[in-house]
PDB file of N, CA and C in Angstrom:
ATOM      1  N   MET A   1    -106.367 134.494  34.038  1.00  0.00           N
ATOM      2  CA  MET A   1    -107.652 134.106  33.228  1.00  0.00           C
ATOM      3  C   MET A   1    -107.245 132.586  33.157  1.00  0.00           C
ATOM      4  N   HIS A   2    -108.194 131.922  33.614  1.00  0.00           N
ATOM      5  CA  HIS A   2    -107.870 130.388  33.154  1.00  0.00           C
ATOM      6  C   HIS A   2    -109.186 129.667  32.577  1.00  0.00           C
ATOM      7  N   LEU A   3    -108.598 129.712  31.141  1.00  0.00           N
ATOM      8  CA  LEU A   3    -109.147 128.313  30.141  1.00  0.00           C
ATOM      9  C   LEU A   3    -108.876 126.947  29.531  1.00  0.00           C
ATOM     10  N   MET A   4    -109.996 126.340  29.995  1.00  0.00           N
ATOM     11  CA  MET A   4    -109.267 125.007  29.193  1.00  0.00           C
ATOM     12  C   MET A   4    -109.879 124.138  28.754  1.00  0.00           C
ATOM     13  N   TRP A   5    -109.751 123.205  27.506  1.00  0.00           N
ATOM     14  CA  TRP A   5    -110.726 122.811  26.934  1.00  0.00           C
ATOM     15  C   TRP A   5    -109.830 121.490  26.538  1.00  0.00           C
ATOM     16  N   GLU A   6    -110.129 120.007  25.986  1.00  0.00           N
ATOM     17  CA  GLU A   6    -110.003 119.585  25.020  1.00  0.00           C
ATOM     18  C   GLU A   6    -110.365 118.647  23.994  1.00  0.00           C
ATOM     19  N   TRP A   7    -109.245 118.176  23.655  1.00  0.00           N
ATOM     20  CA  TRP A   7    -110.577 117.578  22.119  1.00  0.00           C
ATOM     21  C   TRP A   7    -109.856 116.089  21.410  1.00  0.00           C
ATOM     22  N   TRP A   8    -110.475 115.309  21.482  1.00  0.00           N
ATOM     23  CA  TRP A   8    -109.736 114.182  20.394  1.00  0.00           C
ATOM     24  C   TRP A   8    -110.809 113.401  19.713  1.00  0.00           C
ATOM     25  N   LEU A   9    -109.445 113.271  18.605  1.00  0.00           N
ATOM     26  CA  LEU A   9    -110.331 112.562  17.124  1.00  0.00           C
ATOM     27  C   LEU A   9    -110.587 111.179  17.043  1.00  0.00           C
ATOM     28  N   CYS A  10    -111.230 110.343  16.692  1.00  0.00           N
ATOM     29  CA  CYS A  10    -111.061 108.754  15.194  1.00  0.00           C
ATOM     30  C   CYS A  10    -111.137 109.153  14.471  1.00  0.00           C
ATOM     31  N   GLU A  11    -109.675 109.243  14.136  1.00  0.00           N
ATOM     32  CA  GLU A  11    -109.715 109.232  12.328  1.00  0.00           C
ATOM     33  C   GLU A  11    -110.916 108.022  11.371  1.00  0.00           C
ATOM     34  N   GLU A  12    -110.677 107.393  11.897  1.00  0.00           N
ATOM     35  CA  GLU A  12    -110.965 106.373  10.699  1.00  0.00           C
ATOM     36  C   GLU A  12    -113.405 106.354  11.105  1.00  0.00           C
ATOM     37  N   LYS A  13    -113.314 106.972  12.394  1.00  0.00           N
ATOM     38  CA  LYS A  13    -115.046 106.617  12.423  1.00  0.00           C
ATOM     39  C   LYS A  13    -115.480 108.376  11.935  1.00  0.00           C
ATOM     40  N   LYS A  14    -114.603 109.042  12.074  1.00  0.00           N
ATOM     41  CA  LYS A  14    -114.375 110.597  11.653  1.00  0.00           C
ATOM     42  C   LYS A  14    -115.538 111.488  12.969  1.00  0.00           C
ATOM     43  N   VAL A  15    -115.506 110.827  14.447  1.00  0.00           N
ATOM     44  CA  VAL A  15    -116.136 111.502  15.355  1.00  0.00           C
ATOM     45  C   VAL A  15    -114.890 111.777  16.471  1.00  0.00           C
ATOM     46  N   ALA A  16    -115.341 113.107  17.075  1.00  0.00           N
ATOM     47  CA  ALA A  16    -114.643 113.985  17.823  1.00  0.00           C
ATOM     48  C   ALA A  16    -114.907 113.849  19.183  1.00  0.00           C
ATOM     49  N   TYR A  17    -114.393 114.113  20.216  1.00  0.00           N
ATOM     50  CA  TYR A  17    -114.969 114.343  21.755  1.00  0.00           C
ATOM     51  C   TYR A  17    -114.223 115.707  22.582  1.00  0.00           C
ATOM     52  N   VAL A  18    -115.332 115.902  22.784  1.00  0.00           N
ATOM     53  CA  VAL A  18    -114.807 117.300  23.119  1.00  0.00           C
ATOM     54  C   VAL A  18    -115.111 117.317  25.018  1.00  0.00           C
ATOM     55  N   GLU A  19    -114.285 118.147  25.263  1.00  0.00           N
ATOM     56  CA  GLU A  19    -114.371 118.287  27.093  1.00  0.00           C
ATOM     57  C   GLU A  19    -113.399 118.040  28.072  1.00  0.00           C
ATOM     58  N   PRO A  20    -113.218 118.506  28.977  1.00  0.00           N
ATOM     59  CA  PRO A  20    -114.320 119.221  29.354  1.00  0.00           C
ATOM     60  C   PRO A  20    -113.781 121.085  28.818  1.00  0.00           C
ATOM     61  N   VAL A  21    -115.053 121.517  29.182  1.00  0.00           N
ATOM     62  CA  VAL A  21    -115.204 123.320  28.836  1.00  0.00           C
ATOM     63  C   VAL A  21    -114.749 123.713  30.251  1.00  0.00           C
ATOM     64  N   CYS A  22    -113.851 124.732  30.745  1.00  0.00           N
ATOM     65  CA  CYS A  22    -114.231 125.354  31.948  1.00  0.00           C
ATOM     66  C   CYS A  22    -113.384 126.367  31.773  1.00  0.00           C
ATOM     67  N   THR A  23    -113.556 127.410  32.655  1.00  0.00           N
ATOM     68  CA  THR A  23    -113.097 128.751  32.538  1.00  0.00           C
ATOM     69  C   THR A  23    -113.418 129.308  34.598  1.00  0.00           C
ATOM     70  N   ASP A  24    -112.060 129.837  34.529  1.00  0.00           N
ATOM     71  CA  ASP A  24    -112.125 129.755  36.066  1.00  0.00           C
ATOM     72  C   ASP A  24    -113.399 130.716  36.153  1.00  0.00           C
ATOM     73  N   PRO A  25    -113.648 130.986  37.958  1.00  0.00           N
ATOM     74  CA  PRO A  25    -115.180 131.067  38.093  1.00  0.00           C
ATOM     75  C   PRO A  25    -115.034 132.802  37.642  1.00  0.00           C
ATOM     76  N   ASP A  26    -113.629 133.252  38.188  1.00  0.00           N
ATOM     77  CA  ASP A  26    -114.042 134.683  37.957  1.00  0.00           C
ATOM     78  C   ASP A  26    -114.190 136.043  36.989  1.00  0.00           C
ATOM     79  N   PHE A  27    -114.301 134.263  36.055  1.00  0.00           N
ATOM     80  CA  PHE A  27    -114.105 134.872  33.954  1.00  0.00           C
ATOM     81  C   PHE A  27    -115.258 134.806  33.527  1.00  0.00           C
ATOM     82  N   ARG A  28    -116.048 134.080  34.674  1.00  0.00           N
ATOM     83  CA  ARG A  28    -117.667 133.129  33.549  1.00  0.00           C
ATOM     84  C   ARG A  28    -118.471 133.851  32.755  1.00  0.00           C
ATOM     85  N   LYS A  29    -119.332 133.303  32.691  1.00  0.00           N
ATOM     86  CA  LYS A  29    -120.833 134.335  31.729  1.00  0.00           C
ATOM     87  C   LYS A  29    -119.807 135.405  30.925  1.00  0.00           C
ATOM     88  N   LYS A  30    -118.940 134.729  30.629  1.00  0.00           N
ATOM     89  CA  LYS A  30    -118.126 135.896  29.195  1.00  0.00           C
ATOM     90  C   LYS A  30    -118.687 135.575  27.790  1.00  0.00           C
ATOM     91  N   GLY A  31    -118.634 134.529  27.879  1.00  0.00           N
ATOM     92  CA  GLY A  31    -118.253 133.721  26.751  1.00  0.00           C
ATOM     93  C   GLY A  31    -117.507 133.109  26.067  1.00  0.00           C
ATOM     94  N   LEU A  32    -116.592 133.187  27.347  1.00  0.00           N
ATOM     95  CA  LEU A  32    -115.092 132.669  26.610  1.00  0.00           C
ATOM     96  C   LEU A  32    -115.263 131.364  26.467  1.00  0.00           C
ATOM     97  N   GLY A  33    -115.793 130.366  26.989  1.00  0.00           N
ATOM     98  CA  GLY A  33    -116.161 128.464  27.237  1.00  0.00           C
ATOM     99  C   GLY A  33    -116.928 128.834  26.163  1.00  0.00           C
ATOM    100  N   LYS A  34    -118.129 129.504  25.910  1.00  0.00           N
ATOM    101  CA  LYS A  34    -118.858 128.383  24.719  1.00  0.00           C
ATOM    102  C   LYS A  34    -117.381 129.056  23.559  1.00  0.00           C
ATOM    103  N   ALA A  35    -116.719 130.336  23.428  1.00  0.00           N
ATOM    104  CA  ALA A  35    -115.499 130.680  22.383  1.00  0.00           C
ATOM    105  C   ALA A  35    -114.543 129.090  21.901  1.00  0.00           C
ATOM    106  N   ALA A  36    -114.802 129.152  23.489  1.00  0.00           N
ATOM    107  CA  ALA A  36    -113.401 127.792  23.414  1.00  0.00           C
ATOM    108  C   ALA A  36    -114.257 126.615  22.987  1.00  0.00           C
ATOM    109  N   LEU A  37    -115.553 126.521  23.020  1.00  0.00           N
ATOM    110  CA  LEU A  37    -116.338 125.139  22.475  1.00  0.00           C
ATOM    111  C   LEU A  37    -116.651 125.335  20.757  1.00  0.00           C
ATOM    112  N   LEU A  38    -116.303 126.520  20.626  1.00  0.00           N
ATOM    113  CA  LEU A  38    -116.655 126.463  19.547  1.00  0.00           C
ATOM    114  C   LEU A  38    -115.419 126.477  17.719  1.00  0.00           C
ATOM    115  N   GLU A  39    -114.615 126.993  18.755  1.00  0.00           N
ATOM    116  CA  GLU A  39    -112.768 126.886  18.055  1.00  0.00           C
ATOM    117  C   GLU A  39    -112.735 125.698  18.122  1.00  0.00           C
ATOM    118  N   SER A  40    -113.395 124.490  19.565  1.00  0.00           N
ATOM    119  CA  SER A  40    -112.537 123.414  19.661  1.00  0.00           C
ATOM    120  C   SER A  40    -112.985 122.864  18.752  1.00  0.00           C
ATOM    121  N   ILE A  41    -114.788 122.518  17.727  1.00  0.00           N
ATOM    122  CA  ILE A  41    -115.394 122.330  17.062  1.00  0.00           C
ATOM    123  C   ILE A  41    -114.861 122.223  15.445  1.00  0.00           C
ATOM    124  N   ARG A  42    -114.451 123.668  15.428  1.00  0.00           N
ATOM    125  CA  ARG A  42    -114.212 125.029  14.088  1.00  0.00           C
ATOM    126  C   ARG A  42    -112.750 123.160  13.502  1.00  0.00           C
ATOM    127  N   ARG A  43    -111.907 123.188  14.549  1.00  0.00           N
ATOM    128  CA  ARG A  43    -110.805 122.665  14.745  1.00  0.00           C
ATOM    129  C   ARG A  43    -110.975 120.517  14.237  1.00  0.00           C
ATOM    130  N   CYS A  44    -112.073 120.341  15.301  1.00  0.00           N
ATOM    131  CA  CYS A  44    -112.841 119.210  14.794  1.00  0.00           C
ATOM    132  C   CYS A  44    -112.700 118.480  13.391  1.00  0.00           C
ATOM    133  N   ILE A  45    -113.579 119.455  13.604  1.00  0.00           N
ATOM    134  CA  ILE A  45    -114.545 119.888  11.564  1.00  0.00           C
ATOM    135  C   ILE A  45    -112.720 119.707  10.369  1.00  0.00           C
ATOM    136  N   GLU A  46    -112.066 120.482  10.846  1.00  0.00           N
ATOM    137  CA  GLU A  46    -110.911 120.875   9.441  1.00  0.00           C
ATOM    138  C   GLU A  46    -110.058 119.826   9.835  1.00  0.00           C
ATOM    139  N   PHE A  47    -109.894 118.613  10.631  1.00  0.00           N
ATOM    140  CA  PHE A  47    -108.927 117.878  10.664  1.00  0.00           C
ATOM    141  C   PHE A  47    -109.831 115.738  10.316  1.00  0.00           C
ATOM    142  N   GLY A  48    -111.232 116.596   9.871  1.00  0.00           N
ATOM    143  CA  GLY A  48    -111.582 115.742   9.201  1.00  0.00           C
ATOM    144  C   GLY A  48    -112.850 114.992  10.366  1.00  0.00           C
ATOM    145  N   ALA A  49    -113.642 115.127  11.395  1.00  0.00           N
ATOM    146  CA  ALA A  49    -114.653 115.087  11.848  1.00  0.00           C
ATOM    147  C   ALA A  49    -116.032 115.178  11.360  1.00  0.00           C
ATOM    148  N   GLU A  50    -116.647 114.318  11.720  1.00  0.00           N
ATOM    149  CA  GLU A  50    -118.334 114.297  10.934  1.00  0.00           C
ATOM    150  C   GLU A  50    -119.321 114.641  12.258  1.00  0.00           C
ATOM    151  N   GLU A  51    -119.049 114.190  12.959  1.00  0.00           N
ATOM    152  CA  GLU A  51    -119.815 114.081  14.509  1.00  0.00           C
ATOM    153  C   GLU A  51    -119.126 114.412  15.382  1.00  0.00           C
ATOM    154  N   VAL A  52    -119.462 115.210  16.642  1.00  0.00           N
ATOM    155  CA  VAL A  52    -118.965 115.875  17.909  1.00  0.00           C
ATOM    156  C   VAL A  52    -119.518 115.295  18.769  1.00  0.00           C
ATOM    157  N   ILE A  53    -119.387 114.881  19.149  1.00  0.00           N
ATOM    158  CA  ILE A  53    -120.107 114.317  21.103  1.00  0.00           C
ATOM    159  C   ILE A  53    -119.168 114.617  21.965  1.00  0.00           C
ATOM    160  N   VAL A  54    -119.756 115.047  22.387  1.00  0.00           N
ATOM    161  CA  VAL A  54    -119.436 115.971  24.668  1.00  0.00           C
ATOM    162  C   VAL A  54    -120.357 114.556  25.467  1.00  0.00           C
ATOM    163  N   GLU A  55    -120.332 114.370  26.451  1.00  0.00           N
ATOM    164  CA  GLU A  55    -120.608 113.905  28.092  1.00  0.00           C
ATOM    165  C   GLU A  55    -121.585 114.903  28.793  1.00  0.00           C
ATOM    166  N   SER A  56    -121.975 115.700  28.779  1.00  0.00           N
ATOM    167  CA  SER A  56    -122.506 116.515  29.503  1.00  0.00           C
ATOM    168  C   SER A  56    -123.478 116.914  29.047  1.00  0.00           C
ATOM    169  N   SER A  57    -125.040 117.717  30.155  1.00  0.00           N
ATOM    170  CA  SER A  57    -125.498 117.803  29.852  1.00  0.00           C
ATOM    171  C   SER A  57    -125.932 119.426  30.620  1.00  0.00           C
ATOM    172  N   LEU A  58    -124.920 120.253  30.728  1.00  0.00           N
ATOM    173  CA  LEU A  58    -124.463 121.083  30.552  1.00  0.00           C
ATOM    174  C   LEU A  58    -125.077 122.307  29.463  1.00  0.00           C
ATOM    175  N   PRO A  59    -125.783 123.262  30.470  1.00  0.00           N
ATOM    176  CA  PRO A  59    -126.180 124.427  29.897  1.00  0.00           C
ATOM    177  C   PRO A  59    -125.433 124.777  28.165  1.00  0.00           C
ATOM    178  N   ILE A  60    -123.966 125.137  28.556  1.00  0.00           N
ATOM    179  CA  ILE A  60    -123.115 125.655  27.666  1.00  0.00           C
ATOM    180  C   ILE A  60    -123.477 123.893  26.675  1.00  0.00           C
ATOM    181  N   TYR A  61    -122.967 123.295  26.069  1.00  0.00           N
ATOM    182  CA  TYR A  61    -122.996 122.311  25.503  1.00  0.00           C
ATOM    183  C   TYR A  61    -124.965 122.271  24.417  1.00  0.00           C
ATOM    184  N   LEU A  62    -125.624 121.957  25.594  1.00  0.00           N
ATOM    185  CA  LEU A  62    -127.095 122.596  25.423  1.00  0.00           C
ATOM    186  C   LEU A  62    -127.052 124.201  23.872  1.00  0.00           C
ATOM    187  N   SER A  63    -127.059 124.995  24.376  1.00  0.00           N
ATOM    188  CA  SER A  63    -127.384 126.012  24.089  1.00  0.00           C
ATOM    189  C   SER A  63    -126.224 126.804  22.638  1.00  0.00           C
ATOM    190  N   SER A  64    -125.380 125.249  22.331  1.00  0.00           N
ATOM    191  CA  SER A  64    -124.274 125.196  21.308  1.00  0.00           C
ATOM    192  C   SER A  64    -124.733 124.283  20.307  1.00  0.00           C
ATOM    193  N   GLY A  65    -126.110 123.737  20.446  1.00  0.00           N
ATOM    194  CA  GLY A  65    -126.658 122.995  19.652  1.00  0.00           C
ATOM    195  C   GLY A  65    -126.652 121.421  19.809  1.00  0.00           C
ATOM    196  N   PHE A  66    -125.893 120.793  21.239  1.00  0.00           N
ATOM    197  CA  PHE A  66    -126.058 119.986  20.809  1.00  0.00           C
ATOM    198  C   PHE A  66    -127.219 119.297  21.829  1.00  0.00           C
ATOM    199  N   PHE A  67    -127.931 118.049  22.004  1.00  0.00           N
ATOM    200  CA  PHE A  67    -129.143 116.900  21.740  1.00  0.00           C
ATOM    201  C   PHE A  67    -128.412 116.115  22.757  1.00  0.00           C
ATOM    202  N   PRO A  68    -128.898 115.325  23.400  1.00  0.00           N
ATOM    203  CA  PRO A  68    -128.910 113.796  24.114  1.00  0.00           C
ATOM    204  C   PRO A  68    -129.015 112.841  22.957  1.00  0.00           C
ATOM    205  N   LYS A  69    -127.808 111.798  22.665  1.00  0.00           N
ATOM    206  CA  LYS A  69    -128.569 110.612  21.769  1.00  0.00           C
ATOM    207  C   LYS A  69    -128.577 109.561  22.363  1.00  0.00           C
ATOM    208  N   PHE A  70    -128.273 109.568  23.447  1.00  0.00           N
ATOM    209  CA  PHE A  70    -128.804 108.557  24.656  1.00  0.00           C
ATOM    210  C   PHE A  70    -128.345 108.745  25.528  1.00  0.00           C
ATOM    211  N   ILE A  71    -128.793 108.347  26.856  1.00  0.00           N
ATOM    212  CA  ILE A  71    -128.746 108.221  28.104  1.00  0.00           C
ATOM    213  C   ILE A  71    -127.212 107.075  28.638  1.00  0.00           C
ATOM    214  N   ARG A  72    -126.528 107.360  29.106  1.00  0.00           N
ATOM    215  CA  ARG A  72    -126.251 106.142  29.941  1.00  0.00           C
ATOM    216  C   ARG A  72    -126.644 105.512  31.555  1.00  0.00           C
ATOM    217  N   HIS A  73    -126.445 104.798  32.268  1.00  0.00           N
ATOM    218  CA  HIS A  73    -126.703 104.760  33.106  1.00  0.00           C
ATOM    219  C   HIS A  73    -124.911 103.327  33.799  1.00  0.00           C
ATOM    220  N   PRO A  74    -124.528 104.477  34.790  1.00  0.00           N
ATOM    221  CA  PRO A  74    -123.237 103.685  35.644  1.00  0.00           C
ATOM    222  C   PRO A  74    -124.017 102.567  35.723  1.00  0.00           C
ATOM    223  N   TRP A  75    -122.909 101.494  35.833  1.00  0.00           N
ATOM    224  CA  TRP A  75    -123.103 100.182  36.944  1.00  0.00           C
ATOM    225  C   TRP A  75    -121.711 100.837  38.713  1.00  0.00           C
ATOM    226  N   ASP A  76    -122.398 100.160  39.012  1.00  0.00           N
ATOM    227  CA  ASP A  76    -121.282 100.460  40.453  1.00  0.00           C
ATOM    228  C   ASP A  76    -121.488  99.072  41.685  1.00  0.00           C
ATOM    229  N   LYS A  77    -120.461  98.647  42.124  1.00  0.00           N
ATOM    230  CA  LYS A  77    -120.427  97.923  42.927  1.00  0.00           C
ATOM    231  C   LYS A  77    -119.675  97.957  44.371  1.00  0.00           C
ATOM    232  N   GLU A  78    -120.295  97.823  45.122  1.00  0.00           N
ATOM    233  CA  GLU A  78    -119.900  98.309  46.630  1.00  0.00           C
ATOM    234  C   GLU A  78    -119.374  97.080  47.494  1.00  0.00           C
ATOM    235  N   PHE A  79    -118.349  97.553  47.999  1.00  0.00           N
ATOM    236  CA  PHE A  79    -117.815  96.663  48.825  1.00  0.00           C
ATOM    237  C   PHE A  79    -117.563  97.095  49.745  1.00  0.00           C
TER     238      PHE A  79
END
């Protein structure tokens, strides 16, 4: 089984960033990704985060209580 996630904490702003959460395709739809996400959030709070952000609108994040705060528009220049 493969499960991956990372999180970072900016201690001075008390903001944590969690992402990506992914699971091996053979083990999806079993709640493992959500368990990893919730554990990441728990650890972020334990280390002092007052806010946790992700940069995705995947259903796993929306069903875990995340909501859109703003929409980013990437800029691109082709040569």
